[in-house]
Amino acid sequence: MTGAERLRSEAREAVTTLRWDRVVLPRPLNVIAVVVIVPALVVLVVGAVLVAGHDYGSALDERIEESLGAVRAGRAGFFPVVIALGNVASMVVLVVVVTAVCLAVGRPRIALLALFGPALTGVLTSIVLKPVVGRTLDGADSYPSGHTGAATALTLVVALLLASAVRATAARIVIVVVLPSVVAATMATALVVQNVHYPTDTVGGACTALVAVLTVALVIDRTAGQVLARRAGNAA
């Protein structure tokens, strides 16, 4: 056996010995995921239709921006740091770290989700939807927000990883709901306060992340389950 063949064999063995039986979305999170995907997709699409081609904020955007006036004055130094964490370079580093942690704690399915969930979110927000919707702020495409999408996507992955360590179903649901919501709201506030996005852009970004990450999670669980079932059948 050559050195290259030995490396391939060892890599294949390392992959097959991972705990692929551990699902990303245990019950009832898998059911909740399906329930969440549908309204999130509806909000995303309806929002896109309503703001398509606009270069101004809606009445709702204006009301939200007015309500953030006090925040705008009081947290000026904090929000640029938050926004920087949603930049592509920062997200790549964070994705690598989260993926490594998932593998280290024996959660290979969530590791795959950490790689593909935020990546799909980024493609949808920045490459697919922004040019199609054509809403702009200061000449730049703005709907949906890529920063909000990225932050929501990766935090949702982290929340699912944390939830996997908890036995109580109620606690799992709380973790998966609260953590991404807090991070998404923080990023959204930062973007609006810094005049980078309209408020409704951030809603679209968060909805994109929910649709992308939860869909990828369902696909990973289904695909991995089918592969394991085939292996069990072949072994028998």
Protein backbone atom coordinates (compact mmCIF):
# COMPACT_ATOMS: atom_id res chain seq x y z
CA MET A 1 0.00 0.00 0.00
CA THR A 2 1.40 3.38 -1.01
CA GLY A 3 1.52 6.37 1.29
CA ALA A 4 -1.37 8.04 -0.52
CA GLU A 5 -3.50 4.89 -0.31
CA ARG A 6 -2.73 4.57 3.39
CA LEU A 7 -3.81 8.17 3.99
CA ARG A 8 -7.04 7.62 2.08
CA SER A 9 -7.72 4.45 4.03
CA GLU A 10 -7.10 6.16 7.35
CA ALA A 11 -9.27 9.12 6.37
CA ARG A 12 -12.09 6.79 5.29
CA GLU A 13 -11.83 4.87 8.56
CA ALA A 14 -11.85 8.10 10.58
CA VAL A 15 -15.02 9.26 8.84
CA THR A 16 -16.85 5.96 9.21
CA THR A 17 -16.02 5.68 12.92
CA LEU A 18 -17.66 9.03 13.73
CA ARG A 19 -21.02 8.94 15.51
CA TRP A 20 -23.21 9.48 12.48
CA ASP A 21 -26.20 8.03 14.35
CA ARG A 22 -26.57 11.23 16.41
CA VAL A 23 -29.20 13.35 14.70
CA VAL A 24 -29.16 17.11 14.28
CA LEU A 25 -32.88 17.50 14.98
CA PRO A 26 -34.22 15.04 17.56
CA ARG A 27 -37.96 14.91 18.10
CA PRO A 28 -39.81 17.25 18.40
CA LEU A 29 -37.25 19.68 16.95
CA ASN A 30 -37.54 18.01 13.54
CA VAL A 31 -41.28 18.66 13.50
CA ILE A 32 -40.81 22.22 14.75
CA ALA A 33 -38.24 22.80 11.99
CA VAL A 34 -40.78 21.96 9.30
CA VAL A 35 -43.35 24.22 10.96
CA VAL A 36 -40.85 27.11 11.11
CA ILE A 37 -39.55 26.78 7.54
CA VAL A 38 -42.92 27.48 5.93
CA PRO A 39 -43.79 30.82 7.60
CA ALA A 40 -40.16 31.96 7.40
CA LEU A 41 -40.22 31.34 3.65
CA VAL A 42 -43.53 33.18 3.34
CA VAL A 43 -42.21 36.22 5.23
CA LEU A 44 -39.04 36.21 3.11
CA VAL A 45 -40.90 36.06 -0.19
CA VAL A 46 -43.62 38.54 0.76
CA GLY A 47 -40.99 40.95 2.04
CA ALA A 48 -39.04 40.63 -1.19
CA VAL A 49 -42.12 41.37 -3.28
CA LEU A 50 -43.07 44.40 -1.19
CA VAL A 51 -39.64 46.08 -1.33
CA ALA A 52 -38.46 44.96 -4.79
CA GLY A 53 -36.76 47.77 -6.67
CA HIS A 54 -37.11 50.30 -3.85
CA ASP A 55 -34.34 52.65 -2.77
CA TYR A 56 -36.13 53.80 0.38
CA GLY A 57 -37.45 52.38 3.63
CA SER A 58 -41.07 51.45 4.21
CA ALA A 59 -43.34 53.08 6.78
CA LEU A 60 -42.56 50.15 9.08
CA ASP A 61 -38.84 50.72 8.59
CA GLU A 62 -39.22 54.37 9.51
CA ARG A 63 -41.13 53.60 12.70
CA ILE A 64 -38.53 51.06 13.81
CA GLU A 65 -35.67 53.43 13.03
CA GLU A 66 -37.32 56.17 15.09
CA SER A 67 -37.71 53.79 18.03
CA LEU A 68 -33.98 53.05 17.89
CA GLY A 69 -33.00 56.69 18.22
CA ALA A 70 -31.89 56.36 21.85
CA VAL A 71 -29.92 53.21 21.05
CA ARG A 72 -28.24 54.96 18.14
CA ALA A 73 -26.85 57.60 20.50
CA GLY A 74 -25.85 55.32 23.35
CA ARG A 75 -24.03 52.37 21.71
CA ALA A 76 -22.07 53.95 18.89
CA GLY A 77 -18.79 52.15 19.67
CA PHE A 78 -20.33 48.72 20.24
CA PHE A 79 -22.21 48.20 17.01
CA PRO A 80 -19.30 48.39 14.53
CA VAL A 81 -17.70 45.50 16.40
CA VAL A 82 -20.89 43.47 16.12
CA ILE A 83 -21.10 44.16 12.39
CA ALA A 84 -17.45 43.17 11.91
CA LEU A 85 -18.24 39.73 13.35
CA GLY A 86 -20.67 39.21 10.47
CA ASN A 87 -18.10 39.96 7.77
CA VAL A 88 -17.05 37.13 5.47
CA ALA A 89 -13.56 36.73 6.96
CA SER A 90 -14.89 36.61 10.51
CA MET A 91 -17.60 34.14 9.57
CA VAL A 92 -15.14 31.80 7.86
CA VAL A 93 -13.02 31.67 11.01
CA LEU A 94 -16.07 31.14 13.22
CA VAL A 95 -17.43 28.39 10.95
CA VAL A 96 -14.11 26.54 11.08
CA VAL A 97 -14.02 26.81 14.88
CA VAL A 98 -17.61 25.61 15.30
CA THR A 99 -17.05 22.73 12.86
CA ALA A 100 -13.95 21.64 14.76
CA VAL A 101 -15.82 21.76 18.07
CA CYS A 102 -18.66 19.67 16.62
CA LEU A 103 -16.22 17.00 15.47
CA ALA A 104 -14.36 17.08 18.79
CA VAL A 105 -17.54 16.37 20.75
CA GLY A 106 -18.69 13.64 18.38
CA ARG A 107 -21.38 15.48 16.42
CA PRO A 108 -20.41 15.00 12.76
CA ARG A 109 -23.88 15.75 11.42
CA ILE A 110 -23.89 19.14 13.14
CA ALA A 111 -20.36 19.68 11.82
CA LEU A 112 -21.73 19.27 8.30
CA LEU A 113 -24.51 21.69 9.16
CA ALA A 114 -21.93 24.22 10.38
CA LEU A 115 -20.25 24.05 6.98
CA PHE A 116 -23.25 24.00 4.67
CA GLY A 117 -25.93 25.92 6.60
CA PRO A 118 -24.18 29.31 6.80
CA ALA A 119 -22.69 28.78 3.33
CA LEU A 120 -26.11 28.25 1.76
CA THR A 121 -27.44 31.24 3.68
CA GLY A 122 -24.65 33.42 2.29
CA VAL A 123 -25.24 32.26 -1.27
CA LEU A 124 -28.97 32.90 -1.01
CA THR A 125 -28.71 36.34 0.58
CA SER A 126 -25.78 37.87 -1.27
CA ILE A 127 -25.60 36.07 -4.61
CA VAL A 128 -29.17 35.03 -5.39
CA LEU A 129 -31.71 37.25 -3.65
CA LYS A 130 -30.08 40.68 -3.40
CA PRO A 131 -29.64 41.14 -7.17
CA VAL A 132 -33.09 39.69 -7.87
CA VAL A 133 -34.95 41.84 -5.34
CA GLY A 134 -33.00 44.97 -6.25
CA ARG A 135 -33.74 46.96 -3.11
CA THR A 136 -30.92 49.40 -2.42
CA LEU A 137 -29.56 51.56 0.38
CA ASP A 138 -27.01 54.18 -0.67
CA GLY A 139 -26.70 52.38 -4.00
CA ALA A 140 -25.94 48.93 -2.58
CA ASP A 141 -28.27 45.92 -2.70
CA SER A 142 -29.75 45.46 0.75
CA TYR A 143 -32.54 42.84 0.87
CA PRO A 144 -32.08 40.42 2.53
CA SER A 145 -29.30 41.26 4.99
CA GLY A 146 -26.31 38.95 4.58
CA HIS A 147 -24.86 39.91 7.95
CA THR A 148 -28.08 39.06 9.78
CA GLY A 149 -28.42 35.86 7.81
CA ALA A 150 -24.87 34.76 8.60
CA ALA A 151 -25.15 35.58 12.30
CA THR A 152 -28.50 33.82 12.61
CA ALA A 153 -27.35 30.77 10.66
CA LEU A 154 -24.18 30.13 12.64
CA THR A 155 -25.85 30.85 15.98
CA LEU A 156 -28.62 28.41 15.12
CA VAL A 157 -25.99 25.74 14.50
CA VAL A 158 -24.34 26.52 17.85
CA ALA A 159 -27.74 26.41 19.54
CA LEU A 160 -28.44 22.97 18.06
CA LEU A 161 -25.05 21.78 19.29
CA LEU A 162 -25.76 23.06 22.81
CA ALA A 163 -29.26 21.60 22.74
CA SER A 164 -27.84 18.19 21.85
CA ALA A 165 -26.15 18.12 25.26
CA VAL A 166 -29.45 18.68 27.09
CA ARG A 167 -31.97 15.94 27.82
CA ALA A 168 -35.05 17.99 28.63
CA THR A 169 -37.10 18.75 25.53
CA ALA A 170 -38.32 22.10 26.88
CA ALA A 171 -34.74 23.21 27.56
CA ARG A 172 -33.71 22.21 24.03
CA ILE A 173 -36.49 24.29 22.53
CA VAL A 174 -35.63 27.29 24.70
CA ILE A 175 -31.96 27.14 23.66
CA VAL A 176 -32.74 26.83 19.97
CA VAL A 177 -35.25 29.68 20.07
CA VAL A 178 -33.64 32.16 22.47
CA LEU A 179 -29.96 32.10 21.45
CA PRO A 180 -30.43 32.74 17.70
CA SER A 181 -33.14 35.31 18.44
CA VAL A 182 -30.87 37.33 20.73
CA VAL A 183 -27.95 37.25 18.30
CA ALA A 184 -30.14 38.07 15.29
CA ALA A 185 -31.74 40.99 17.14
CA THR A 186 -28.34 42.33 18.19
CA MET A 187 -26.93 42.14 14.67
CA ALA A 188 -30.10 43.65 13.21
CA THR A 189 -30.00 46.56 15.66
CA ALA A 190 -26.34 47.20 14.87
CA LEU A 191 -26.98 47.25 11.13
CA VAL A 192 -29.94 49.59 11.39
CA VAL A 193 -28.26 51.94 13.85
CA GLN A 194 -25.20 52.16 11.59
CA ASN A 195 -27.41 52.81 8.54
CA VAL A 196 -26.15 49.69 6.79
CA HIS A 197 -29.61 48.13 6.36
CA TYR A 198 -33.30 48.87 6.61
CA PRO A 199 -34.98 46.98 9.48
CA THR A 200 -36.99 44.82 7.08
CA ASP A 201 -33.74 43.76 5.37
CA THR A 202 -32.66 42.16 8.63
CA VAL A 203 -35.95 40.30 8.96
CA GLY A 204 -35.41 38.90 5.49
CA GLY A 205 -31.87 37.86 6.39
CA ALA A 206 -33.00 36.03 9.52
CA CYS A 207 -35.77 34.26 7.61
CA THR A 208 -33.30 33.19 4.92
CA ALA A 209 -31.08 31.66 7.60
CA LEU A 210 -33.98 29.78 9.18
CA VAL A 211 -35.07 28.33 5.84
CA ALA A 212 -31.53 27.42 4.76
CA VAL A 213 -30.17 25.96 7.99
CA LEU A 214 -33.27 24.01 8.98
CA THR A 215 -33.66 22.60 5.46
CA VAL A 216 -30.01 21.52 5.39
CA ALA A 217 -30.43 19.96 8.85
CA LEU A 218 -33.42 17.93 7.69
CA VAL A 219 -31.56 16.79 4.57
CA ILE A 220 -28.49 15.78 6.58
CA ASP A 221 -30.55 13.74 9.02
CA ARG A 222 -32.51 12.04 6.25
CA THR A 223 -29.44 11.28 4.13
CA ALA A 224 -27.31 10.05 7.03
CA GLY A 225 -30.18 7.90 8.26
CA GLN A 226 -30.57 6.28 4.84
CA VAL A 227 -26.83 5.59 4.59
CA LEU A 228 -26.75 4.02 8.04
CA ALA A 229 -29.78 1.88 7.20
CA ARG A 230 -28.11 0.62 4.01
CA ARG A 231 -24.93 -0.21 5.90
CA ALA A 232 -26.92 -2.10 8.52
CA GLY A 233 -28.71 -4.02 5.77
CA ASN A 234 -25.45 -4.90 4.03
CA ALA A 235 -23.90 -6.01 7.31
CA ALA A 236 -26.86 -8.28 7.98
